[in-house]
Amino acid sequence: MAKQKTDKKKSPPKIENRKARHDFHIDETYEAGLALRGTEVKSIRAGKASINEAFAYLSNGEVWLKNMYIKPYEFGSYNNHDERRDRKLLLKRKEIKEIDKYINQKGFTLVPLKLYFKGGYAKLLIGLGRGKKSFDKRDDIKEKDMKREIDRKIKGNYKINL
């Protein structure tokens, strides 16, 4: 018998901002669509994008994403896009009003958390975040280390002195 080749579709990459949850307390999250050009979509599908330095802001009742990097598409020729242009986020009016209410409070900001594809459309998970202080970050690291040690103790691979 001949072996049959299985065609496994490679799923598009999920681009994450790992540093965001370390630097911010995330209160609420929203899923927003992105207004993109064709070459931008192809670059994102290839995994050539970064949201680490990006942030979102409100302007005239619309939410915009600034400083998101999308590498120019290799085969895009004259149709290519600017790498760091402002991109419009597509949200419902009710969600924009909620976000506006939170942003006007002291200390809240819109932080992009994850970029992914859902049903063929590019989606961005944004969170309403409040900046952490350095002692908050240390507490989070301490809790993570304690949890890791307890998990190791339960598994039996690690000996600790409590």
N, C-alpha and C. Protein backbone atom coordinates (compact mmCIF):
# COMPACT_ATOMS: atom_id res chain seq x y z
N MET A 1 0.83 -1.18 0.00
CA MET A 1 0.00 0.00 0.00
C MET A 1 0.88 1.25 0.00
N ALA A 2 0.47 2.19 -0.77
CA ALA A 2 1.19 3.45 -0.84
C ALA A 2 0.73 4.36 0.29
N LYS A 3 1.67 5.10 0.81
CA LYS A 3 1.33 6.04 1.89
C LYS A 3 0.62 7.25 1.30
N GLN A 4 -0.42 7.66 1.96
CA GLN A 4 -1.14 8.84 1.52
C GLN A 4 -0.56 10.06 2.23
N LYS A 5 -0.40 11.10 1.47
CA LYS A 5 0.10 12.34 2.05
C LYS A 5 -1.07 13.08 2.71
N THR A 6 -0.85 13.48 3.92
CA THR A 6 -1.89 14.26 4.60
C THR A 6 -1.54 15.73 4.47
N ASP A 7 -2.47 16.47 3.97
CA ASP A 7 -2.27 17.91 3.83
C ASP A 7 -2.73 18.59 5.10
N LYS A 8 -1.77 18.98 5.91
CA LYS A 8 -2.09 19.71 7.13
C LYS A 8 -1.98 21.19 6.81
N LYS A 9 -3.07 21.89 6.97
CA LYS A 9 -3.04 23.32 6.72
C LYS A 9 -2.26 23.99 7.85
N LYS A 10 -1.36 24.81 7.44
CA LYS A 10 -0.59 25.56 8.42
C LYS A 10 -1.41 26.76 8.84
N SER A 11 -1.71 26.85 10.12
CA SER A 11 -2.52 27.96 10.60
C SER A 11 -1.67 29.23 10.64
N PRO A 12 -2.30 30.37 10.38
CA PRO A 12 -1.56 31.63 10.44
C PRO A 12 -1.06 31.87 11.86
N PRO A 13 0.07 32.53 11.99
CA PRO A 13 0.65 32.73 13.32
C PRO A 13 -0.16 33.70 14.17
N LYS A 14 -0.05 33.51 15.46
CA LYS A 14 -0.63 34.44 16.42
C LYS A 14 0.51 35.31 16.93
N ILE A 15 0.39 36.58 16.71
CA ILE A 15 1.44 37.52 17.10
C ILE A 15 1.02 38.13 18.42
N GLU A 16 1.84 37.95 19.45
CA GLU A 16 1.47 38.39 20.80
C GLU A 16 2.40 39.47 21.31
N ASN A 17 1.88 40.27 22.21
CA ASN A 17 2.65 41.26 22.94
C ASN A 17 2.81 40.72 24.36
N ARG A 18 3.84 39.93 24.57
CA ARG A 18 4.02 39.25 25.86
C ARG A 18 4.34 40.21 26.99
N LYS A 19 4.96 41.30 26.65
CA LYS A 19 5.38 42.26 27.67
C LYS A 19 4.19 43.05 28.23
N ALA A 20 3.08 43.08 27.51
CA ALA A 20 1.94 43.90 27.92
C ALA A 20 1.38 43.47 29.27
N ARG A 21 1.19 42.19 29.48
CA ARG A 21 0.63 41.72 30.76
C ARG A 21 1.62 41.87 31.90
N HIS A 22 2.89 42.02 31.57
CA HIS A 22 3.90 42.25 32.59
C HIS A 22 3.91 43.73 33.01
N ASP A 23 3.64 44.62 32.06
CA ASP A 23 3.72 46.04 32.33
C ASP A 23 2.39 46.68 32.73
N PHE A 24 1.26 46.00 32.47
CA PHE A 24 -0.04 46.59 32.71
C PHE A 24 -0.96 45.62 33.44
N HIS A 25 -1.86 46.18 34.27
CA HIS A 25 -3.00 45.43 34.79
C HIS A 25 -4.08 45.55 33.73
N ILE A 26 -4.48 44.44 33.11
CA ILE A 26 -5.49 44.48 32.06
C ILE A 26 -6.86 44.27 32.70
N ASP A 27 -7.74 45.28 32.58
CA ASP A 27 -9.07 45.20 33.17
C ASP A 27 -10.09 44.57 32.22
N GLU A 28 -10.18 45.09 31.01
CA GLU A 28 -11.14 44.59 30.03
C GLU A 28 -10.44 44.36 28.70
N THR A 29 -10.95 43.42 27.93
CA THR A 29 -10.40 43.18 26.60
C THR A 29 -11.50 43.31 25.55
N TYR A 30 -11.12 43.74 24.38
CA TYR A 30 -12.03 43.90 23.25
C TYR A 30 -11.39 43.29 22.01
N GLU A 31 -12.22 42.68 21.17
CA GLU A 31 -11.74 42.14 19.91
C GLU A 31 -12.11 43.12 18.81
N ALA A 32 -11.09 43.62 18.11
CA ALA A 32 -11.32 44.62 17.08
C ALA A 32 -10.81 44.11 15.74
N GLY A 33 -11.52 44.48 14.69
CA GLY A 33 -11.05 44.20 13.35
C GLY A 33 -10.02 45.25 12.95
N LEU A 34 -9.26 44.97 11.92
CA LEU A 34 -8.25 45.90 11.44
C LEU A 34 -8.55 46.27 9.99
N ALA A 35 -8.43 47.54 9.66
CA ALA A 35 -8.57 47.97 8.28
C ALA A 35 -7.18 47.89 7.65
N LEU A 36 -6.95 46.87 6.83
CA LEU A 36 -5.63 46.60 6.26
C LEU A 36 -5.68 46.63 4.75
N ARG A 37 -4.50 46.76 4.16
CA ARG A 37 -4.35 46.65 2.72
C ARG A 37 -3.93 45.21 2.40
N GLY A 38 -4.02 44.85 1.13
CA GLY A 38 -3.75 43.47 0.71
C GLY A 38 -2.36 42.98 1.04
N THR A 39 -1.35 43.82 0.82
CA THR A 39 0.03 43.39 1.09
C THR A 39 0.27 43.26 2.58
N GLU A 40 -0.45 44.04 3.39
CA GLU A 40 -0.31 43.93 4.84
C GLU A 40 -0.84 42.59 5.33
N VAL A 41 -1.96 42.16 4.78
CA VAL A 41 -2.56 40.88 5.17
C VAL A 41 -1.60 39.74 4.84
N LYS A 42 -0.99 39.80 3.65
CA LYS A 42 -0.06 38.73 3.24
C LYS A 42 1.16 38.69 4.14
N SER A 43 1.66 39.84 4.55
CA SER A 43 2.81 39.88 5.46
C SER A 43 2.45 39.33 6.84
N ILE A 44 1.25 39.66 7.32
CA ILE A 44 0.83 39.15 8.63
C ILE A 44 0.65 37.64 8.59
N ARG A 45 0.07 37.13 7.50
CA ARG A 45 -0.08 35.68 7.36
C ARG A 45 1.27 34.97 7.34
N ALA A 46 2.29 35.66 6.86
CA ALA A 46 3.64 35.10 6.85
C ALA A 46 4.33 35.27 8.20
N GLY A 47 3.69 35.97 9.14
CA GLY A 47 4.24 36.15 10.48
C GLY A 47 5.23 37.29 10.57
N LYS A 48 5.20 38.22 9.65
CA LYS A 48 6.18 39.32 9.59
C LYS A 48 5.59 40.60 10.17
N ALA A 49 5.11 40.55 11.40
CA ALA A 49 4.54 41.73 12.04
C ALA A 49 4.90 41.75 13.52
N SER A 50 4.81 42.92 14.12
CA SER A 50 5.12 43.07 15.53
C SER A 50 4.19 44.12 16.15
N ILE A 51 3.66 43.81 17.32
CA ILE A 51 2.82 44.77 18.05
C ILE A 51 3.44 45.16 19.38
N ASN A 52 4.73 44.91 19.55
CA ASN A 52 5.37 45.17 20.84
C ASN A 52 5.43 46.66 21.18
N GLU A 53 5.66 47.53 20.21
CA GLU A 53 5.76 48.96 20.49
C GLU A 53 4.46 49.70 20.21
N ALA A 54 3.43 48.99 19.78
CA ALA A 54 2.19 49.63 19.34
C ALA A 54 1.31 50.06 20.51
N PHE A 55 0.46 51.04 20.24
CA PHE A 55 -0.55 51.47 21.20
C PHE A 55 -1.75 52.00 20.42
N ALA A 56 -2.89 52.05 21.07
CA ALA A 56 -4.11 52.51 20.43
C ALA A 56 -4.56 53.81 21.08
N TYR A 57 -5.23 54.64 20.29
CA TYR A 57 -5.73 55.90 20.81
C TYR A 57 -7.05 56.24 20.13
N LEU A 58 -7.82 57.13 20.76
CA LEU A 58 -9.10 57.58 20.23
C LEU A 58 -8.93 58.94 19.55
N SER A 59 -9.56 59.07 18.38
CA SER A 59 -9.52 60.34 17.68
C SER A 59 -10.83 60.50 16.90
N ASN A 60 -11.58 61.53 17.21
CA ASN A 60 -12.85 61.83 16.53
C ASN A 60 -13.82 60.66 16.54
N GLY A 61 -13.95 59.98 17.65
CA GLY A 61 -14.89 58.87 17.77
C GLY A 61 -14.43 57.60 17.07
N GLU A 62 -13.17 57.50 16.70
CA GLU A 62 -12.62 56.31 16.07
C GLU A 62 -11.40 55.86 16.85
N VAL A 63 -11.12 54.57 16.81
CA VAL A 63 -9.95 54.03 17.50
C VAL A 63 -8.89 53.72 16.45
N TRP A 64 -7.67 54.18 16.70
CA TRP A 64 -6.57 53.99 15.77
C TRP A 64 -5.43 53.26 16.46
N LEU A 65 -4.70 52.49 15.69
CA LEU A 65 -3.52 51.77 16.19
C LEU A 65 -2.29 52.44 15.60
N LYS A 66 -1.39 52.82 16.46
CA LYS A 66 -0.19 53.54 16.02
C LYS A 66 1.05 52.71 16.32
N ASN A 67 2.02 52.80 15.44
CA ASN A 67 3.35 52.23 15.61
C ASN A 67 3.38 50.70 15.54
N MET A 68 2.41 50.08 14.89
CA MET A 68 2.46 48.64 14.65
C MET A 68 3.32 48.40 13.42
N TYR A 69 4.26 47.47 13.53
CA TYR A 69 5.18 47.20 12.42
C TYR A 69 4.69 46.01 11.61
N ILE A 70 4.54 46.23 10.30
CA ILE A 70 4.26 45.14 9.36
C ILE A 70 5.30 45.26 8.25
N LYS A 71 6.11 44.22 8.11
CA LYS A 71 7.18 44.23 7.11
C LYS A 71 6.57 44.31 5.71
N PRO A 72 7.17 45.11 4.82
CA PRO A 72 6.66 45.17 3.45
C PRO A 72 6.70 43.79 2.79
N TYR A 73 5.67 43.49 2.03
CA TYR A 73 5.55 42.19 1.36
C TYR A 73 6.60 42.08 0.27
N GLU A 74 7.27 40.93 0.20
CA GLU A 74 8.39 40.75 -0.73
C GLU A 74 7.99 40.94 -2.18
N PHE A 75 6.81 40.46 -2.55
CA PHE A 75 6.39 40.50 -3.95
C PHE A 75 5.35 41.60 -4.19
N GLY A 76 5.36 42.63 -3.38
CA GLY A 76 4.33 43.66 -3.45
C GLY A 76 4.59 44.75 -4.48
N SER A 77 5.79 44.90 -4.96
CA SER A 77 6.21 45.92 -5.93
C SER A 77 5.71 47.31 -5.54
N TYR A 78 5.07 48.02 -6.43
CA TYR A 78 4.64 49.39 -6.13
C TYR A 78 3.39 49.42 -5.25
N ASN A 79 2.73 48.28 -5.03
CA ASN A 79 1.53 48.22 -4.20
C ASN A 79 1.84 48.13 -2.71
N ASN A 80 3.11 48.11 -2.34
CA ASN A 80 3.47 47.92 -0.94
C ASN A 80 2.99 49.07 -0.06
N HIS A 81 2.98 48.82 1.23
CA HIS A 81 2.45 49.74 2.23
C HIS A 81 3.57 50.36 3.05
N ASP A 82 3.24 51.39 3.81
CA ASP A 82 4.17 51.95 4.79
C ASP A 82 4.25 50.98 5.96
N GLU A 83 5.44 50.84 6.52
CA GLU A 83 5.65 49.86 7.59
C GLU A 83 4.91 50.22 8.87
N ARG A 84 4.92 51.48 9.24
CA ARG A 84 4.36 51.89 10.53
C ARG A 84 3.24 52.92 10.40
N ARG A 85 2.39 52.78 9.41
CA ARG A 85 1.30 53.73 9.24
C ARG A 85 0.23 53.50 10.31
N ASP A 86 -0.59 54.51 10.56
CA ASP A 86 -1.70 54.37 11.51
C ASP A 86 -2.78 53.51 10.86
N ARG A 87 -3.32 52.57 11.63
CA ARG A 87 -4.35 51.65 11.12
C ARG A 87 -5.61 51.80 11.95
N LYS A 88 -6.74 51.82 11.27
CA LYS A 88 -8.02 52.00 11.95
C LYS A 88 -8.48 50.68 12.54
N LEU A 89 -8.97 50.73 13.78
CA LEU A 89 -9.54 49.56 14.43
C LEU A 89 -11.05 49.61 14.28
N LEU A 90 -11.64 48.48 13.94
CA LEU A 90 -13.07 48.41 13.69
C LEU A 90 -13.78 47.85 14.91
N LEU A 91 -14.50 48.71 15.61
CA LEU A 91 -15.23 48.34 16.82
C LEU A 91 -16.66 48.84 16.71
N LYS A 92 -17.54 48.27 17.52
CA LYS A 92 -18.92 48.75 17.58
C LYS A 92 -18.96 50.07 18.34
N ARG A 93 -19.95 50.87 18.01
CA ARG A 93 -20.07 52.20 18.62
C ARG A 93 -20.18 52.11 20.14
N LYS A 94 -20.91 51.11 20.63
CA LYS A 94 -21.08 50.92 22.07
C LYS A 94 -19.73 50.64 22.74
N GLU A 95 -18.91 49.82 22.09
CA GLU A 95 -17.58 49.51 22.64
C GLU A 95 -16.69 50.74 22.64
N ILE A 96 -16.78 51.54 21.59
CA ILE A 96 -15.97 52.77 21.52
C ILE A 96 -16.36 53.72 22.64
N LYS A 97 -17.65 53.83 22.95
CA LYS A 97 -18.10 54.69 24.04
C LYS A 97 -17.59 54.19 25.38
N GLU A 98 -17.61 52.86 25.58
CA GLU A 98 -17.07 52.28 26.82
C GLU A 98 -15.58 52.59 26.95
N ILE A 99 -14.86 52.40 25.87
CA ILE A 99 -13.42 52.65 25.87
C ILE A 99 -13.15 54.12 26.16
N ASP A 100 -13.92 55.00 25.55
CA ASP A 100 -13.75 56.44 25.77
C ASP A 100 -13.96 56.80 27.23
N LYS A 101 -14.95 56.17 27.85
CA LYS A 101 -15.24 56.43 29.27
C LYS A 101 -14.04 56.03 30.13
N TYR A 102 -13.44 54.87 29.84
CA TYR A 102 -12.29 54.41 30.63
C TYR A 102 -11.04 55.24 30.35
N ILE A 103 -10.82 55.59 29.09
CA ILE A 103 -9.60 56.32 28.74
C ILE A 103 -9.58 57.70 29.39
N ASN A 104 -10.76 58.31 29.56
CA ASN A 104 -10.80 59.63 30.18
C ASN A 104 -10.49 59.57 31.67
N GLN A 105 -10.55 58.38 32.27
CA GLN A 105 -10.14 58.25 33.66
C GLN A 105 -8.62 58.26 33.72
N LYS A 106 -8.11 58.61 34.85
CA LYS A 106 -6.67 58.73 35.01
C LYS A 106 -5.98 57.36 34.99
N GLY A 107 -4.95 57.24 34.18
CA GLY A 107 -4.09 56.06 34.22
C GLY A 107 -4.44 54.93 33.29
N PHE A 108 -5.53 55.00 32.54
CA PHE A 108 -5.89 53.91 31.63
C PHE A 108 -5.33 54.17 30.24
N THR A 109 -4.94 53.08 29.57
CA THR A 109 -4.46 53.15 28.21
C THR A 109 -4.91 51.92 27.44
N LEU A 110 -4.94 52.01 26.12
CA LEU A 110 -5.31 50.89 25.27
C LEU A 110 -4.05 50.18 24.80
N VAL A 111 -3.95 48.90 25.13
CA VAL A 111 -2.75 48.13 24.83
C VAL A 111 -3.11 46.97 23.91
N PRO A 112 -2.44 46.82 22.77
CA PRO A 112 -2.68 45.65 21.93
C PRO A 112 -2.05 44.41 22.56
N LEU A 113 -2.82 43.32 22.63
CA LEU A 113 -2.35 42.11 23.29
C LEU A 113 -2.01 40.99 22.30
N LYS A 114 -2.86 40.80 21.29
CA LYS A 114 -2.67 39.67 20.39
C LYS A 114 -3.25 40.00 19.01
N LEU A 115 -2.53 39.58 17.97
CA LEU A 115 -2.98 39.74 16.58
C LEU A 115 -3.14 38.35 16.00
N TYR A 116 -4.32 38.06 15.45
CA TYR A 116 -4.60 36.71 14.95
C TYR A 116 -5.65 36.79 13.85
N PHE A 117 -5.89 35.66 13.19
CA PHE A 117 -6.92 35.56 12.16
C PHE A 117 -8.09 34.76 12.68
N LYS A 118 -9.29 35.23 12.37
CA LYS A 118 -10.50 34.54 12.79
C LYS A 118 -11.48 34.60 11.62
N GLY A 119 -11.78 33.45 11.06
CA GLY A 119 -12.69 33.40 9.92
C GLY A 119 -12.16 34.14 8.71
N GLY A 120 -10.85 34.17 8.53
CA GLY A 120 -10.25 34.84 7.39
C GLY A 120 -10.00 36.32 7.59
N TYR A 121 -10.43 36.89 8.71
CA TYR A 121 -10.25 38.30 8.99
C TYR A 121 -9.19 38.49 10.07
N ALA A 122 -8.39 39.54 9.91
CA ALA A 122 -7.38 39.86 10.92
C ALA A 122 -8.07 40.53 12.11
N LYS A 123 -7.81 40.02 13.29
CA LYS A 123 -8.40 40.56 14.52
C LYS A 123 -7.28 40.96 15.48
N LEU A 124 -7.55 41.97 16.27
CA LEU A 124 -6.60 42.44 17.26
C LEU A 124 -7.30 42.45 18.61
N LEU A 125 -6.71 41.79 19.59
CA LEU A 125 -7.24 41.80 20.95
C LEU A 125 -6.57 42.97 21.67
N ILE A 126 -7.39 43.95 22.07
CA ILE A 126 -6.85 45.10 22.79
C ILE A 126 -7.39 45.08 24.20
N GLY A 127 -6.60 45.58 25.13
CA GLY A 127 -7.00 45.58 26.52
C GLY A 127 -6.90 46.97 27.12
N LEU A 128 -7.81 47.25 28.03
CA LEU A 128 -7.72 48.49 28.81
C LEU A 128 -6.79 48.22 29.97
N GLY A 129 -5.66 48.88 29.96
CA GLY A 129 -4.65 48.59 30.97
C GLY A 129 -4.30 49.79 31.82
N ARG A 130 -3.90 49.48 33.02
CA ARG A 130 -3.39 50.48 33.95
C ARG A 130 -1.97 50.08 34.28
N GLY A 131 -1.04 51.00 34.18
CA GLY A 131 0.37 50.71 34.37
C GLY A 131 0.69 50.14 35.73
N LYS A 132 1.60 49.16 35.75
CA LYS A 132 2.03 48.56 37.01
C LYS A 132 3.23 49.31 37.55
N LYS A 133 3.33 49.33 38.85
CA LYS A 133 4.52 49.86 39.51
C LYS A 133 5.55 48.75 39.61
N SER A 134 6.78 49.10 39.94
CA SER A 134 7.83 48.08 39.98
C SER A 134 7.58 47.04 41.07
N PHE A 135 6.98 47.44 42.20
CA PHE A 135 6.72 46.45 43.25
C PHE A 135 5.61 45.49 42.83
N ASP A 136 4.67 45.95 42.00
CA ASP A 136 3.64 45.04 41.47
C ASP A 136 4.28 43.97 40.61
N LYS A 137 5.24 44.38 39.78
CA LYS A 137 5.92 43.43 38.91
C LYS A 137 6.69 42.41 39.73
N ARG A 138 7.33 42.87 40.81
CA ARG A 138 8.08 41.94 41.66
C ARG A 138 7.14 40.95 42.33
N ASP A 139 5.97 41.42 42.75
CA ASP A 139 4.99 40.52 43.37
C ASP A 139 4.52 39.46 42.39
N ASP A 140 4.29 39.85 41.13
CA ASP A 140 3.88 38.89 40.11
C ASP A 140 4.95 37.84 39.88
N ILE A 141 6.20 38.26 39.82
CA ILE A 141 7.30 37.32 39.62
C ILE A 141 7.41 36.37 40.80
N LYS A 142 7.23 36.90 42.01
CA LYS A 142 7.30 36.08 43.22
C LYS A 142 6.20 35.02 43.22
N GLU A 143 4.96 35.43 42.88
CA GLU A 143 3.84 34.48 42.82
C GLU A 143 4.09 33.40 41.78
N LYS A 144 4.62 33.78 40.62
CA LYS A 144 4.89 32.83 39.55
C LYS A 144 5.94 31.80 40.00
N ASP A 145 7.00 32.28 40.67
CA ASP A 145 8.04 31.37 41.17
C ASP A 145 7.49 30.41 42.22
N MET A 146 6.65 30.93 43.14
CA MET A 146 6.08 30.06 44.17
C MET A 146 5.18 29.00 43.55
N LYS A 147 4.38 29.39 42.56
CA LYS A 147 3.51 28.44 41.90
C LYS A 147 4.32 27.36 41.18
N ARG A 148 5.40 27.77 40.53
CA ARG A 148 6.27 26.83 39.83
C ARG A 148 6.88 25.83 40.81
N GLU A 149 7.35 26.32 41.96
CA GLU A 149 7.94 25.42 42.96
C GLU A 149 6.92 24.44 43.52
N ILE A 150 5.71 24.91 43.78
CA ILE A 150 4.65 24.03 44.29
C ILE A 150 4.30 22.97 43.26
N ASP A 151 4.21 23.37 42.00
CA ASP A 151 3.92 22.40 40.93
C ASP A 151 5.02 21.34 40.84
N ARG A 152 6.26 21.76 40.98
CA ARG A 152 7.37 20.81 40.94
C ARG A 152 7.32 19.86 42.13
N LYS A 153 6.97 20.40 43.31
CA LYS A 153 6.88 19.58 44.51
C LYS A 153 5.79 18.53 44.37
N ILE A 154 4.65 18.93 43.82
CA ILE A 154 3.54 18.00 43.60
C ILE A 154 3.94 16.92 42.62
N LYS A 155 4.65 17.32 41.57
CA LYS A 155 5.08 16.35 40.56
C LYS A 155 6.16 15.42 41.13
N GLY A 156 6.95 15.91 42.05
CA GLY A 156 7.95 15.07 42.70
C GLY A 156 9.34 15.14 42.10
N ASN A 157 9.57 16.10 41.23
CA ASN A 157 10.88 16.20 40.58
C ASN A 157 11.81 17.17 41.27
N TYR A 158 11.34 17.87 42.25
CA TYR A 158 12.11 18.97 42.80
C TYR A 158 11.95 18.97 44.31
N LYS A 159 13.01 19.19 45.02
CA LYS A 159 12.94 19.23 46.47
C LYS A 159 13.17 20.64 46.95
N ILE A 160 12.25 21.13 47.76
CA ILE A 160 12.38 22.45 48.34
C ILE A 160 12.24 22.36 49.84
N ASN A 161 12.82 23.31 50.50
CA ASN A 161 12.74 23.37 51.96
C ASN A 161 11.77 24.47 52.34
N LEU A 162 10.61 24.08 52.84
CA LEU A 162 9.60 25.07 53.24
C LEU A 162 9.63 25.30 54.73
